Amino acid sequence: MKQGLGIASVLFVLSLLLVVAAPGPAGAQCQLGVPAIKIGVQGAASGPHADYGRQIEMGATMAIEEINTAGGILGCRLEMKFMDDENKAATGVKNARYLVTEWGAHFMVGTDSSGVAMALGPVLAELKRIHFFTHAATHRLTEELVAGKGIQEIVRVSVPVYQDAIVAALIFKDRPEIKRWATIGADYEYGYASWSLFKDTLKKYRPDVEFVAAAWAPFLTLDFSPHVSAVMAQKPDAIFSTPWAGEAVMLLRQALIQGVFDQIHAWWQAMGGSVDVLEGIASEVQRDRFKGKLWATARYIHNWPDTPENKAFIERFRKRWARFPNYSAETTYSAFFIMKAAVEKARSLETPKVIEALRGMQIRNPGGLRVFRAEDHQFVYNVPAGRVMMDPNFPIPVLGDLKIFPAKDYYRHPPFTPVAVTK
């Protein structure tokens, strides 16, 4: 991990120098009266979840390169400064204040942690800068801070926890053989809210289901065997799991060692469609060790939608970075083009004018058609779920047997009711 971070840091410095130094077209002049449009980007670039921050950085860098090469935004060149928020609220707030008040950011993009996002929300109103959130999944960001408290500077480009929980319920409501559910959950809000939304939604369709066990794994758990043993003692038919990134990989491998996939009908891995998880379990998938029982989703998956836009994006991303894009890369990349469209419509960098320009926006990105919802500043778009499997067209596992639901069927709608976020 430390070696990987070092290489990524060097690559980023080189790419950032290229981006900042890249001139616009000959004779181009910024129509907005600034030397450059400055975008501050944050993500977790250190620690065990650093790949998500790196992918935010990659998506942002590639978007800036493409926009600048094509003439910028109204002739204005884009500059970026990326900062590691360490997945800590205090660091994220400190970074935001620096980016706006000292560096002069016109916009901000990124943020992995829901805790960081919730801390940033009130600060954005004070700084009067729009932040395009591209990963943080808490429903409270848009439901409470935008729809509830009216903080207009929050815009979310990625699908929130609805994807993790409600989509799962819509899939498994049609599996009558699965009646007994248990969770191995992340022991913080993400895990609690996901499990709560899953249970509430599934019960509406399947009053016969039982929720027989819950084991809560603290952040950065290494040994999941006690949690696996605890829930399997209750003989569940299926597992609902929310530890993510490297923790998801460790959990799945330890579940295999304990023979779990010989005893259950299905395992739902909330963000198991993320590239880092798929890379981490590739060997097990190739050997069919999950027996076709591992189901997953993400906030974007690299093999869907099957469109020219997505295929071209993946090709450019792989050529630039020698990896497949994670969902945090696609959402960040798309955020820059959403920003571009809004600024060009507003013909201004003023926050109220850009927010107004977002209203009614429908924009096609690599992840599909995104539609801005004015009530909570959530961009609405579809992401499928499916079984984890190999595909001869891809060198890493993909989600197959895809289940695709209209976004209106699984996004919560205003007025919002509270979600239980306790064990």
Protein backbone atom coordinates (compact mmCIF):
# COMPACT_ATOMS: atom_id res chain seq x y z
CA MET A 1 0.00 0.00 0.00
CA LYS A 2 2.75 2.45 0.86
CA GLN A 3 4.61 1.70 -2.37
CA GLY A 4 1.39 2.16 -4.36
CA LEU A 5 0.72 5.50 -2.73
CA GLY A 6 4.21 6.71 -3.54
CA ILE A 7 3.88 5.86 -7.22
CA ALA A 8 0.41 7.38 -7.39
CA SER A 9 1.64 10.56 -5.75
CA VAL A 10 4.48 10.94 -8.27
CA LEU A 11 2.13 10.33 -11.18
CA PHE A 12 -0.32 12.85 -9.80
CA VAL A 13 2.30 15.57 -9.37
CA LEU A 14 3.45 15.06 -12.95
CA SER A 15 -0.09 15.04 -14.30
CA LEU A 16 -1.08 18.09 -12.28
CA LEU A 17 1.91 20.02 -13.58
CA LEU A 18 0.85 19.13 -17.11
CA VAL A 19 -2.74 20.17 -16.46
CA VAL A 20 -1.87 23.49 -14.83
CA ALA A 21 0.69 24.31 -17.49
CA ALA A 22 -1.43 23.21 -20.44
CA PRO A 23 -2.30 26.26 -22.54
CA GLY A 24 -5.66 26.81 -24.14
CA PRO A 25 -6.05 27.14 -27.89
CA ALA A 26 -4.01 29.86 -29.54
CA GLY A 27 -5.77 33.20 -29.18
CA ALA A 28 -8.36 31.88 -26.71
CA GLN A 29 -9.52 34.39 -24.11
CA CYS A 30 -11.47 33.65 -20.96
CA GLN A 31 -14.94 35.17 -21.25
CA LEU A 32 -15.42 35.11 -17.48
CA GLY A 33 -12.62 37.51 -16.64
CA VAL A 34 -10.43 35.17 -14.59
CA PRO A 35 -6.93 33.81 -15.34
CA ALA A 36 -8.30 30.28 -14.83
CA ILE A 37 -11.26 28.49 -13.30
CA LYS A 38 -9.94 26.86 -10.15
CA ILE A 39 -11.38 23.61 -8.83
CA GLY A 40 -10.46 22.20 -5.44
CA VAL A 41 -10.71 18.42 -5.27
CA GLN A 42 -10.69 16.28 -2.12
CA GLY A 43 -10.63 12.56 -1.44
CA ALA A 44 -9.11 9.89 0.76
CA ALA A 45 -5.61 9.62 -0.71
CA SER A 46 -4.00 7.82 2.23
CA GLY A 47 -4.89 4.84 4.35
CA PRO A 48 -6.65 1.60 3.37
CA HIS A 49 -9.37 3.33 1.31
CA ALA A 50 -6.91 5.47 -0.68
CA ASP A 51 -7.80 3.91 -4.02
CA TYR A 52 -11.09 5.81 -3.98
CA GLY A 53 -9.29 9.12 -3.54
CA ARG A 54 -6.81 8.17 -6.25
CA GLN A 55 -9.67 7.37 -8.60
CA ILE A 56 -11.29 10.74 -7.81
CA GLU A 57 -7.96 12.33 -8.68
CA MET A 58 -7.68 10.32 -11.91
CA GLY A 59 -11.20 11.20 -13.05
CA ALA A 60 -10.67 14.88 -12.29
CA THR A 61 -7.30 15.02 -14.03
CA MET A 62 -8.61 13.36 -17.16
CA ALA A 63 -11.67 15.62 -17.32
CA ILE A 64 -9.52 18.74 -16.99
CA GLU A 65 -7.13 17.55 -19.68
CA GLU A 66 -10.00 16.92 -22.08
CA ILE A 67 -11.83 20.18 -21.33
CA ASN A 68 -8.67 22.27 -21.61
CA THR A 69 -7.67 20.59 -24.88
CA ALA A 70 -11.12 21.39 -26.28
CA GLY A 71 -10.86 25.08 -25.38
CA GLY A 72 -11.79 25.16 -21.71
CA ILE A 73 -15.05 26.60 -20.40
CA LEU A 74 -15.99 29.73 -22.34
CA GLY A 75 -12.33 30.02 -23.24
CA CYS A 76 -11.22 29.71 -19.60
CA ARG A 77 -8.54 27.18 -18.70
CA LEU A 78 -9.19 24.89 -15.72
CA GLU A 79 -6.75 24.39 -12.85
CA MET A 80 -7.03 21.83 -10.09
CA LYS A 81 -5.56 21.36 -6.64
CA PHE A 82 -6.08 17.92 -5.08
CA MET A 83 -5.91 17.46 -1.31
CA ASP A 84 -6.03 14.38 0.90
CA ASP A 85 -8.88 14.69 3.40
CA GLU A 86 -7.67 11.54 5.22
CA ASN A 87 -11.33 10.47 5.62
CA LYS A 88 -11.44 12.90 8.56
CA ALA A 89 -14.08 15.60 8.96
CA ALA A 90 -11.71 18.14 10.50
CA THR A 91 -9.20 17.69 7.68
CA GLY A 92 -11.90 18.01 5.04
CA VAL A 93 -13.20 21.25 6.53
CA LYS A 94 -9.68 22.64 6.89
CA ASN A 95 -8.94 21.76 3.26
CA ALA A 96 -12.15 23.41 2.04
CA ARG A 97 -11.40 26.64 3.87
CA TYR A 98 -7.88 26.70 2.46
CA LEU A 99 -9.00 25.90 -1.08
CA VAL A 100 -11.52 28.75 -1.15
CA THR A 101 -10.03 31.48 1.02
CA GLU A 102 -6.33 31.05 0.21
CA TRP A 103 -6.06 29.19 -3.09
CA GLY A 104 -9.14 30.81 -4.62
CA ALA A 105 -11.24 27.82 -5.71
CA HIS A 106 -14.37 28.63 -7.68
CA PHE A 107 -15.79 25.12 -7.19
CA MET A 108 -15.06 21.99 -5.17
CA VAL A 109 -15.43 18.34 -6.17
CA GLY A 110 -15.02 14.90 -4.59
CA THR A 111 -15.25 13.63 -0.97
CA ASP A 112 -15.35 9.93 -0.10
CA SER A 113 -16.50 9.92 3.51
CA SER A 114 -20.08 10.63 4.55
CA GLY A 115 -18.78 12.05 7.82
CA VAL A 116 -16.59 14.50 5.94
CA ALA A 117 -19.50 15.40 3.65
CA MET A 118 -21.85 16.15 6.55
CA ALA A 119 -19.20 18.35 8.19
CA LEU A 120 -18.60 20.22 4.93
CA GLY A 121 -22.25 21.02 4.27
CA PRO A 122 -22.70 23.99 6.64
CA VAL A 123 -19.22 25.29 5.73
CA LEU A 124 -20.16 25.43 2.05
CA ALA A 125 -22.99 27.84 2.83
CA GLU A 126 -20.50 30.03 4.66
CA LEU A 127 -17.92 29.85 1.86
CA LYS A 128 -20.59 30.32 -0.82
CA ARG A 129 -19.04 27.68 -3.07
CA ILE A 130 -20.69 24.71 -4.77
CA HIS A 131 -19.29 21.29 -3.91
CA PHE A 132 -20.06 18.49 -6.36
CA PHE A 133 -20.05 15.38 -4.16
CA THR A 134 -18.95 12.30 -6.08
CA HIS A 135 -18.82 9.46 -3.55
CA ALA A 136 -20.14 10.16 -0.02
CA ALA A 137 -23.27 7.99 0.21
CA THR A 138 -25.21 9.25 3.22
CA HIS A 139 -28.82 10.02 2.36
CA ARG A 140 -28.68 12.79 4.95
CA LEU A 141 -26.45 14.98 2.77
CA THR A 142 -29.22 15.72 0.31
CA GLU A 143 -32.29 14.80 2.35
CA GLU A 144 -31.41 16.77 5.49
CA LEU A 145 -28.91 19.43 4.47
CA VAL A 146 -30.43 20.40 1.11
CA ALA A 147 -34.12 19.48 1.25
CA GLY A 148 -34.35 20.03 5.02
CA LYS A 149 -32.03 22.94 5.79
CA GLY A 150 -31.83 24.54 2.37
CA ILE A 151 -28.05 24.46 1.86
CA GLN A 152 -27.95 25.17 -1.86
CA GLU A 153 -24.21 24.73 -2.35
CA ILE A 154 -24.46 20.93 -2.06
CA VAL A 155 -24.81 19.00 -5.34
CA ARG A 156 -24.48 15.22 -5.47
CA VAL A 157 -23.49 13.48 -8.70
CA SER A 158 -23.31 9.91 -7.31
CA VAL A 159 -26.23 7.73 -6.21
CA PRO A 160 -26.51 7.54 -2.40
CA VAL A 161 -27.26 4.64 -0.08
CA TYR A 162 -30.49 3.90 -1.97
CA GLN A 163 -28.31 1.88 -4.37
CA ASP A 164 -26.84 -0.23 -1.58
CA ALA A 165 -30.10 -1.10 0.15
CA ILE A 166 -33.28 -0.56 -1.83
CA VAL A 167 -31.95 -2.15 -5.02
CA ALA A 168 -31.06 -5.27 -3.02
CA ALA A 169 -34.59 -5.50 -1.66
CA LEU A 170 -36.05 -5.20 -5.17
CA ILE A 171 -33.86 -8.07 -6.36
CA PHE A 172 -34.42 -10.49 -3.49
CA LYS A 173 -38.14 -9.92 -3.05
CA ASP A 174 -38.49 -12.33 -5.98
CA ARG A 175 -36.43 -15.09 -4.34
CA PRO A 176 -39.03 -16.97 -2.24
CA GLU A 177 -36.49 -19.54 -1.07
CA ILE A 178 -34.63 -16.79 0.79
CA LYS A 179 -36.51 -16.03 4.01
CA ARG A 180 -33.85 -15.70 6.71
CA TRP A 181 -31.52 -12.70 6.39
CA ALA A 182 -28.49 -11.68 8.43
CA THR A 183 -26.14 -8.74 8.10
CA ILE A 184 -22.42 -8.36 8.54
CA GLY A 185 -22.52 -4.61 8.66
CA ALA A 186 -20.17 -1.68 8.79
CA ASP A 187 -20.39 -0.43 12.38
CA TYR A 188 -21.25 3.19 11.53
CA GLU A 189 -23.99 5.13 9.78
CA TYR A 190 -23.50 3.60 6.33
CA GLY A 191 -24.03 0.08 7.66
CA TYR A 192 -26.96 1.02 9.89
CA ALA A 193 -28.82 3.05 7.25
CA SER A 194 -28.29 0.42 4.55
CA TRP A 195 -29.60 -2.40 6.74
CA SER A 196 -32.56 -0.31 7.89
CA LEU A 197 -33.59 0.69 4.36
CA PHE A 198 -33.13 -2.87 3.13
CA LYS A 199 -35.30 -4.33 5.89
CA ASP A 200 -38.04 -1.72 5.55
CA THR A 201 -38.23 -2.10 1.77
CA LEU A 202 -38.08 -5.90 1.69
CA LYS A 203 -40.78 -6.23 4.37
CA LYS A 204 -43.20 -4.24 2.20
CA TYR A 205 -42.96 -6.91 -0.49
CA ARG A 206 -42.19 -9.96 1.64
CA PRO A 207 -43.83 -9.91 5.08
CA ASP A 208 -42.69 -13.52 5.50
CA VAL A 209 -38.96 -12.69 5.68
CA GLU A 210 -37.05 -12.81 8.96
CA PHE A 211 -33.98 -10.83 10.00
CA VAL A 212 -32.22 -13.30 12.22
CA ALA A 213 -28.79 -11.85 13.05
CA ALA A 214 -26.62 -8.75 12.88
CA ALA A 215 -22.87 -8.55 13.47
CA TRP A 216 -21.30 -5.10 13.32
CA ALA A 217 -17.68 -4.77 12.20
CA PRO A 218 -15.83 -1.60 13.25
CA PHE A 219 -14.08 0.50 10.63
CA LEU A 220 -10.77 -1.09 9.55
CA THR A 221 -11.62 -4.57 10.84
CA LEU A 222 -9.03 -7.16 9.78
CA ASP A 223 -10.43 -10.36 11.28
CA PHE A 224 -14.06 -10.92 10.31
CA SER A 225 -14.20 -14.55 11.42
CA PRO A 226 -16.06 -13.84 14.71
CA HIS A 227 -18.68 -11.82 12.81
CA VAL A 228 -19.10 -14.56 10.22
CA SER A 229 -19.42 -17.24 12.90
CA ALA A 230 -21.95 -15.20 14.87
CA VAL A 231 -24.38 -14.75 11.99
CA MET A 232 -23.93 -18.24 10.55
CA ALA A 233 -24.89 -19.70 13.92
CA GLN A 234 -28.42 -18.44 13.18
CA LYS A 235 -28.55 -20.36 9.88
CA PRO A 236 -29.43 -17.50 7.52
CA ASP A 237 -30.43 -18.09 3.92
CA ALA A 238 -28.57 -15.00 2.77
CA ILE A 239 -26.10 -12.35 3.97
CA PHE A 240 -26.39 -8.58 3.51
CA SER A 241 -22.88 -7.10 3.77
CA THR A 242 -21.71 -3.47 3.85
CA PRO A 243 -17.96 -3.39 4.69
CA TRP A 244 -16.36 -1.98 1.55
CA ALA A 245 -13.06 -1.61 -0.32
CA GLY A 246 -10.25 -3.78 1.08
CA GLU A 247 -12.42 -4.77 4.03
CA ALA A 248 -14.95 -6.32 1.64
CA VAL A 249 -12.18 -8.34 -0.01
CA MET A 250 -10.93 -9.65 3.35
CA LEU A 251 -14.46 -10.44 4.53
CA LEU A 252 -15.32 -12.39 1.39
CA ARG A 253 -12.10 -14.39 1.51
CA GLN A 254 -12.63 -15.24 5.19
CA ALA A 255 -16.23 -16.24 4.47
CA LEU A 256 -14.92 -18.67 1.85
CA ILE A 257 -12.51 -20.18 4.36
CA GLN A 258 -15.42 -20.73 6.75
CA GLY A 259 -17.49 -22.44 4.06
CA VAL A 260 -20.25 -19.85 4.03
CA PHE A 261 -21.00 -20.14 0.32
CA ASP A 262 -21.79 -23.84 0.79
CA GLN A 263 -24.50 -22.93 3.30
CA ILE A 264 -26.34 -19.90 1.89
CA HIS A 265 -28.38 -19.06 -1.21
CA ALA A 266 -26.97 -15.57 -1.75
CA TRP A 267 -24.56 -12.94 -0.47
CA TRP A 268 -25.20 -9.25 -1.18
CA GLN A 269 -22.03 -7.12 -1.19
CA ALA A 270 -23.22 -3.52 -1.25
CA MET A 271 -20.33 -1.91 -3.15
CA GLY A 272 -18.87 -5.16 -4.42
CA GLY A 273 -19.07 -3.93 -8.00
CA SER A 274 -16.29 -1.47 -7.27
CA VAL A 275 -13.16 -2.03 -9.36
CA ASP A 276 -10.85 -2.44 -6.36
CA VAL A 277 -13.06 -5.18 -4.90
CA LEU A 278 -13.41 -6.96 -8.25
CA GLU A 279 -9.64 -6.85 -8.72
CA GLY A 280 -9.14 -8.15 -5.18
CA ILE A 281 -11.38 -11.21 -5.59
CA ALA A 282 -10.56 -11.94 -9.25
CA SER A 283 -8.77 -15.20 -8.50
CA GLU A 284 -11.69 -16.51 -6.45
CA VAL A 285 -14.20 -15.52 -9.14
CA GLN A 286 -12.11 -17.21 -11.86
CA ARG A 287 -12.24 -20.44 -9.84
CA ASP A 288 -16.00 -20.03 -9.22
CA ARG A 289 -15.45 -20.20 -5.48
CA PHE A 290 -18.53 -18.04 -4.84
CA LYS A 291 -20.67 -20.57 -6.76
CA GLY A 292 -22.62 -17.83 -8.53
CA LYS A 293 -24.10 -16.65 -5.23
CA LEU A 294 -22.26 -13.34 -4.87
CA TRP A 295 -24.39 -10.34 -5.83
CA ALA A 296 -23.21 -6.75 -5.87
CA THR A 297 -23.70 -3.23 -7.14
CA ALA A 298 -21.80 0.06 -7.20
CA ARG A 299 -22.42 3.73 -8.04
CA TYR A 300 -21.23 3.01 -11.58
CA ILE A 301 -19.99 -0.25 -13.09
CA HIS A 302 -17.48 -0.41 -15.90
CA ASN A 303 -19.46 -2.84 -18.09
CA TRP A 304 -22.67 -0.77 -18.12
CA PRO A 305 -24.22 1.08 -19.84
CA ASP A 306 -23.33 -0.55 -23.14
CA THR A 307 -23.07 2.77 -24.97
CA PRO A 308 -20.48 4.40 -27.23
CA GLU A 309 -19.95 7.10 -24.59
CA ASN A 310 -19.11 4.62 -21.84
CA LYS A 311 -16.93 2.42 -24.05
CA ALA A 312 -14.95 5.45 -25.24
CA PHE A 313 -14.56 6.69 -21.66
CA ILE A 314 -13.21 3.33 -20.50
CA GLU A 315 -10.81 3.17 -23.44
CA ARG A 316 -9.45 6.66 -22.72
CA PHE A 317 -9.23 5.98 -18.99
CA ARG A 318 -7.34 2.71 -19.46
CA LYS A 319 -4.98 4.34 -21.93
CA ARG A 320 -4.33 7.21 -19.48
CA TRP A 321 -4.10 5.23 -16.23
CA ALA A 322 -3.73 1.52 -17.16
CA ARG A 323 -6.74 0.66 -14.98
CA PHE A 324 -10.49 0.44 -15.23
CA PRO A 325 -12.39 3.41 -13.80
CA ASN A 326 -13.93 2.98 -10.38
CA TYR A 327 -17.27 4.63 -9.67
CA SER A 328 -15.55 7.52 -7.92
CA ALA A 329 -13.58 8.16 -11.12
CA GLU A 330 -16.67 8.19 -13.35
CA THR A 331 -18.73 10.37 -11.00
CA THR A 332 -15.88 12.85 -10.63
CA TYR A 333 -15.19 12.93 -14.36
CA SER A 334 -18.89 13.50 -14.98
CA ALA A 335 -19.06 16.22 -12.32
CA PHE A 336 -16.62 18.33 -14.32
CA PHE A 337 -18.79 18.13 -17.43
CA ILE A 338 -21.89 18.93 -15.37
CA MET A 339 -20.02 21.95 -14.02
CA LYS A 340 -18.98 22.91 -17.54
CA ALA A 341 -22.56 22.74 -18.83
CA ALA A 342 -23.89 24.80 -15.90
CA VAL A 343 -21.22 27.51 -16.17
CA GLU A 344 -21.71 27.78 -19.91
CA LYS A 345 -25.47 28.13 -19.44
CA ALA A 346 -25.06 30.69 -16.64
CA ARG A 347 -22.15 32.43 -18.38
CA SER A 348 -20.97 33.15 -14.86
CA LEU A 349 -18.99 31.72 -11.95
CA GLU A 350 -21.36 33.22 -9.39
CA THR A 351 -22.76 30.48 -7.18
CA PRO A 352 -26.48 31.48 -7.33
CA LYS A 353 -26.38 31.73 -11.13
CA VAL A 354 -24.67 28.36 -11.53
CA ILE A 355 -27.17 26.72 -9.15
CA GLU A 356 -30.02 28.18 -11.17
CA ALA A 357 -28.41 26.84 -14.36
CA LEU A 358 -28.45 23.32 -12.89
CA ARG A 359 -32.25 23.36 -12.61
CA GLY A 360 -33.82 21.20 -15.26
CA MET A 361 -30.47 19.81 -16.37
CA GLN A 362 -30.40 16.45 -18.11
CA ILE A 363 -26.94 15.39 -19.19
CA ARG A 364 -25.55 12.20 -20.66
CA ASN A 365 -22.33 11.00 -19.03
CA PRO A 366 -20.41 7.70 -19.29
CA GLY A 367 -22.66 6.36 -16.51
CA GLY A 368 -25.81 7.22 -18.46
CA LEU A 369 -28.41 9.97 -18.36
CA ARG A 370 -28.31 12.06 -15.20
CA VAL A 371 -31.23 14.30 -14.27
CA PHE A 372 -30.92 17.07 -11.67
CA ARG A 373 -33.59 17.01 -8.95
CA ALA A 374 -34.07 20.54 -7.67
CA GLU A 375 -35.68 19.58 -4.34
CA ASP A 376 -32.54 17.94 -2.95
CA HIS A 377 -29.83 18.67 -5.57
CA GLN A 378 -29.45 14.97 -6.28
CA PHE A 379 -28.55 13.87 -9.80
CA VAL A 380 -30.76 10.86 -10.54
CA TYR A 381 -29.52 8.04 -12.78
CA ASN A 382 -29.75 4.25 -13.04
CA VAL A 383 -27.09 1.79 -11.95
CA PRO A 384 -27.76 -1.95 -12.21
CA ALA A 385 -26.86 -4.75 -9.84
CA GLY A 386 -25.87 -8.28 -10.74
CA ARG A 387 -23.97 -11.46 -9.97
CA VAL A 388 -20.18 -11.26 -9.86
CA MET A 389 -18.72 -13.32 -12.71
CA MET A 390 -16.04 -13.44 -15.36
CA ASP A 391 -16.65 -12.16 -18.88
CA PRO A 392 -14.25 -12.98 -21.75
CA ASN A 393 -14.45 -9.35 -22.87
CA PHE A 394 -12.91 -8.08 -19.62
CA PRO A 395 -9.70 -9.00 -17.76
CA ILE A 396 -11.31 -8.48 -14.34
CA PRO A 397 -14.67 -9.70 -13.01
CA VAL A 398 -17.85 -7.88 -13.94
CA LEU A 399 -21.44 -7.80 -12.79
CA GLY A 400 -23.56 -10.05 -15.01
CA ASP A 401 -27.15 -11.27 -15.00
CA LEU A 402 -27.90 -7.58 -14.56
CA LYS A 403 -31.02 -6.35 -12.80
CA ILE A 404 -31.93 -2.83 -13.88
CA PHE A 405 -34.63 -0.86 -12.12
CA PRO A 406 -35.97 2.58 -13.05
CA ALA A 407 -34.42 5.15 -10.75
CA LYS A 408 -37.90 6.31 -9.70
CA ASP A 409 -38.46 2.86 -8.17
CA TYR A 410 -35.52 2.98 -5.78
CA TYR A 411 -34.59 6.60 -5.14
CA ARG A 412 -36.35 8.05 -2.13
CA HIS A 413 -38.52 11.04 -2.94
CA PRO A 414 -39.29 14.26 -1.07
CA PRO A 415 -40.84 14.91 1.36
CA PHE A 416 -38.42 12.61 3.13
CA THR A 417 -39.14 10.55 6.22
CA PRO A 418 -36.34 9.78 8.72
CA VAL A 419 -34.25 6.63 8.33
CA ALA A 420 -33.10 4.71 11.40
CA VAL A 421 -29.32 5.00 11.61
CA THR A 422 -28.70 3.02 14.80
CA LYS A 423 -27.99 -0.66 15.37
